[in-house]
Amino acid sequence: MEASRDIIAKLKAKYDCALNEIKDLAQEQNEEKEDLLVSLRQQDLDVKFYRKIVDMIMKPEELAKLKTKSSYDDGANDWSVPVFLLKQREVALPSLSIKK
């Protein structure tokens, strides 16, 4: 009887340890998932910002033409974009009036 109680106690301890491990892994997974979501949100904001700038600088047909001449390299995980020039385009930011 005493031997079976010891076995049950050892199995209960192993079971509790396994449950704790599962909880730790689930918490780790949730933290990693949240980090990925934060990163994804930031990348989405960056893409929207860059898209807005490109839309201000280039006409849609110019962008489409440039994209057709560009190619994506899966091995390098990067775009190969031909050299191009923007003519008669200047960046003029509004001036800020600073009150003294």
C-alpha atoms as a PDB file:
ATOM      1  CA  MET A   1       0.000   0.000   0.000  1.00  0.00           C
ATOM      2  CA  GLU A   2       2.833   2.364   0.925  1.00  0.00           C
ATOM      3  CA  ALA A   3       4.621   1.634  -2.361  1.00  0.00           C
ATOM      4  CA  SER A   4       1.557   2.510  -4.421  1.00  0.00           C
ATOM      5  CA  ARG A   5       1.180   5.804  -2.499  1.00  0.00           C
ATOM      6  CA  ASP A   6       4.794   6.666  -3.312  1.00  0.00           C
ATOM      7  CA  ILE A   7       4.218   5.851  -6.967  1.00  0.00           C
ATOM      8  CA  ILE A   8       1.050   7.968  -7.004  1.00  0.00           C
ATOM      9  CA  ALA A   9       2.881  10.860  -5.316  1.00  0.00           C
ATOM     10  CA  LYS A  10       5.734  10.642  -7.865  1.00  0.00           C
ATOM     11  CA  LEU A  11       3.297  10.503 -10.771  1.00  0.00           C
ATOM     12  CA  LYS A  12       1.350  13.464  -9.338  1.00  0.00           C
ATOM     13  CA  ALA A  13       4.599  15.445  -9.055  1.00  0.00           C
ATOM     14  CA  LYS A  14       5.503  14.601 -12.678  1.00  0.00           C
ATOM     15  CA  TYR A  15       1.988  15.538 -13.776  1.00  0.00           C
ATOM     16  CA  ASP A  16       2.170  18.897 -11.961  1.00  0.00           C
ATOM     17  CA  CYS A  17       5.592  19.535 -13.480  1.00  0.00           C
ATOM     18  CA  ALA A  18       4.240  18.767 -16.962  1.00  0.00           C
ATOM     19  CA  LEU A  19       1.280  21.100 -16.392  1.00  0.00           C
ATOM     20  CA  ASN A  20       3.620  23.898 -15.329  1.00  0.00           C
ATOM     21  CA  GLU A  21       5.759  23.291 -18.403  1.00  0.00           C
ATOM     22  CA  ILE A  22       2.681  23.493 -20.637  1.00  0.00           C
ATOM     23  CA  LYS A  23       1.621  26.754 -18.970  1.00  0.00           C
ATOM     24  CA  ASP A  24       5.133  28.198 -19.427  1.00  0.00           C
ATOM     25  CA  LEU A  25       5.211  27.198 -23.090  1.00  0.00           C
ATOM     26  CA  ALA A  26       1.754  28.672 -23.681  1.00  0.00           C
ATOM     27  CA  GLN A  27       2.822  31.936 -22.037  1.00  0.00           C
ATOM     28  CA  GLU A  28       6.008  32.042 -24.139  1.00  0.00           C
ATOM     29  CA  GLN A  29       3.988  31.426 -27.276  1.00  0.00           C
ATOM     30  CA  ASN A  30       1.556  34.226 -26.394  1.00  0.00           C
ATOM     31  CA  GLU A  31       4.439  36.636 -25.751  1.00  0.00           C
ATOM     32  CA  GLU A  32       6.066  35.742 -29.077  1.00  0.00           C
ATOM     33  CA  LYS A  33       2.726  36.119 -30.830  1.00  0.00           C
ATOM     34  CA  GLU A  34       2.233  39.569 -29.300  1.00  0.00           C
ATOM     35  CA  ASP A  35       5.767  40.597 -30.335  1.00  0.00           C
ATOM     36  CA  LEU A  36       5.041  39.468 -33.888  1.00  0.00           C
ATOM     37  CA  LEU A  37       1.768  41.412 -33.932  1.00  0.00           C
ATOM     38  CA  VAL A  38       3.533  44.565 -32.723  1.00  0.00           C
ATOM     39  CA  SER A  39       6.178  44.112 -35.408  1.00  0.00           C
ATOM     40  CA  LEU A  40       3.510  43.517 -38.045  1.00  0.00           C
ATOM     41  CA  ARG A  41       1.594  46.639 -37.018  1.00  0.00           C
ATOM     42  CA  GLN A  42       4.777  48.718 -37.197  1.00  0.00           C
ATOM     43  CA  GLN A  43       5.627  47.330 -40.628  1.00  0.00           C
ATOM     44  CA  ASP A  44       2.087  48.118 -41.797  1.00  0.00           C
ATOM     45  CA  LEU A  45       2.465  51.713 -40.609  1.00  0.00           C
ATOM     46  CA  ASP A  46       5.827  51.978 -42.371  1.00  0.00           C
ATOM     47  CA  VAL A  47       4.420  50.589 -45.626  1.00  0.00           C
ATOM     48  CA  LYS A  48       1.500  53.040 -45.493  1.00  0.00           C
ATOM     49  CA  PHE A  49       3.929  55.920 -44.906  1.00  0.00           C
ATOM     50  CA  TYR A  50       6.219  54.889 -47.776  1.00  0.00           C
ATOM     51  CA  ARG A  51       3.210  54.341 -50.028  1.00  0.00           C
ATOM     52  CA  LYS A  52       1.950  57.840 -49.260  1.00  0.00           C
ATOM     53  CA  ILE A  53       5.333  59.327 -50.158  1.00  0.00           C
ATOM     54  CA  VAL A  54       5.554  57.339 -53.396  1.00  0.00           C
ATOM     55  CA  ASP A  55       2.013  58.424 -54.328  1.00  0.00           C
ATOM     56  CA  MET A  56       3.016  62.055 -53.804  1.00  0.00           C
ATOM     57  CA  ILE A  57       6.192  61.754 -55.882  1.00  0.00           C
ATOM     58  CA  MET A  58       5.182  59.432 -58.726  1.00  0.00           C
ATOM     59  CA  LYS A  59       2.123  59.103 -60.894  1.00  0.00           C
ATOM     60  CA  PRO A  60       0.439  55.691 -60.793  1.00  0.00           C
ATOM     61  CA  GLU A  61       1.383  54.940 -64.398  1.00  0.00           C
ATOM     62  CA  GLU A  62       5.037  55.821 -63.687  1.00  0.00           C
ATOM     63  CA  LEU A  63       5.035  53.494 -60.722  1.00  0.00           C
ATOM     64  CA  ALA A  64       3.412  50.707 -62.751  1.00  0.00           C
ATOM     65  CA  LYS A  65       6.009  51.129 -65.506  1.00  0.00           C
ATOM     66  CA  LEU A  66       8.845  51.003 -62.975  1.00  0.00           C
ATOM     67  CA  LYS A  67       7.383  47.912 -61.347  1.00  0.00           C
ATOM     68  CA  THR A  68       7.139  46.063 -64.679  1.00  0.00           C
ATOM     69  CA  LYS A  69      10.827  46.801 -65.310  1.00  0.00           C
ATOM     70  CA  SER A  70      11.785  45.656 -61.816  1.00  0.00           C
ATOM     71  CA  SER A  71      12.199  42.076 -60.695  1.00  0.00           C
ATOM     72  CA  TYR A  72      12.090  40.244 -57.388  1.00  0.00           C
ATOM     73  CA  ASP A  73      14.869  37.817 -56.490  1.00  0.00           C
ATOM     74  CA  ASP A  74      13.558  35.078 -54.181  1.00  0.00           C
ATOM     75  CA  GLY A  75      17.079  33.909 -53.364  1.00  0.00           C
ATOM     76  CA  ALA A  76      18.214  37.339 -52.181  1.00  0.00           C
ATOM     77  CA  ASN A  77      14.745  38.220 -50.891  1.00  0.00           C
ATOM     78  CA  ASP A  78      15.080  41.664 -52.470  1.00  0.00           C
ATOM     79  CA  TRP A  79      13.871  43.789 -55.374  1.00  0.00           C
ATOM     80  CA  SER A  80      16.103  44.693 -58.292  1.00  0.00           C
ATOM     81  CA  VAL A  81      14.958  48.149 -59.421  1.00  0.00           C
ATOM     82  CA  PRO A  82      16.525  49.824 -62.458  1.00  0.00           C
ATOM     83  CA  VAL A  83      18.039  53.254 -61.997  1.00  0.00           C
ATOM     84  CA  PHE A  84      15.552  56.011 -62.746  1.00  0.00           C
ATOM     85  CA  LEU A  85      15.370  59.792 -62.488  1.00  0.00           C
ATOM     86  CA  LEU A  86      12.587  62.003 -61.244  1.00  0.00           C
ATOM     87  CA  LYS A  87      12.527  65.158 -63.320  1.00  0.00           C
ATOM     88  CA  GLN A  88      11.132  68.503 -62.225  1.00  0.00           C
ATOM     89  CA  ARG A  89      10.186  67.249 -58.815  1.00  0.00           C
ATOM     90  CA  GLU A  90      11.285  69.107 -55.724  1.00  0.00           C
ATOM     91  CA  VAL A  91      10.527  68.386 -52.125  1.00  0.00           C
ATOM     92  CA  ALA A  92       9.254  71.517 -50.397  1.00  0.00           C
ATOM     93  CA  LEU A  93       8.234  71.131 -46.808  1.00  0.00           C
ATOM     94  CA  PRO A  94       6.108  73.808 -45.184  1.00  0.00           C
ATOM     95  CA  SER A  95       8.036  76.214 -43.012  1.00  0.00           C
ATOM     96  CA  LEU A  96       7.280  76.302 -39.345  1.00  0.00           C
ATOM     97  CA  SER A  97       6.797  79.657 -37.712  1.00  0.00           C
ATOM     98  CA  ILE A  98       8.636  79.750 -34.424  1.00  0.00           C
ATOM     99  CA  LYS A  99       7.384  82.338 -31.997  1.00  0.00           C
ATOM    100  CA  LYS A 100       9.916  83.843 -29.651  1.00  0.00           C
END
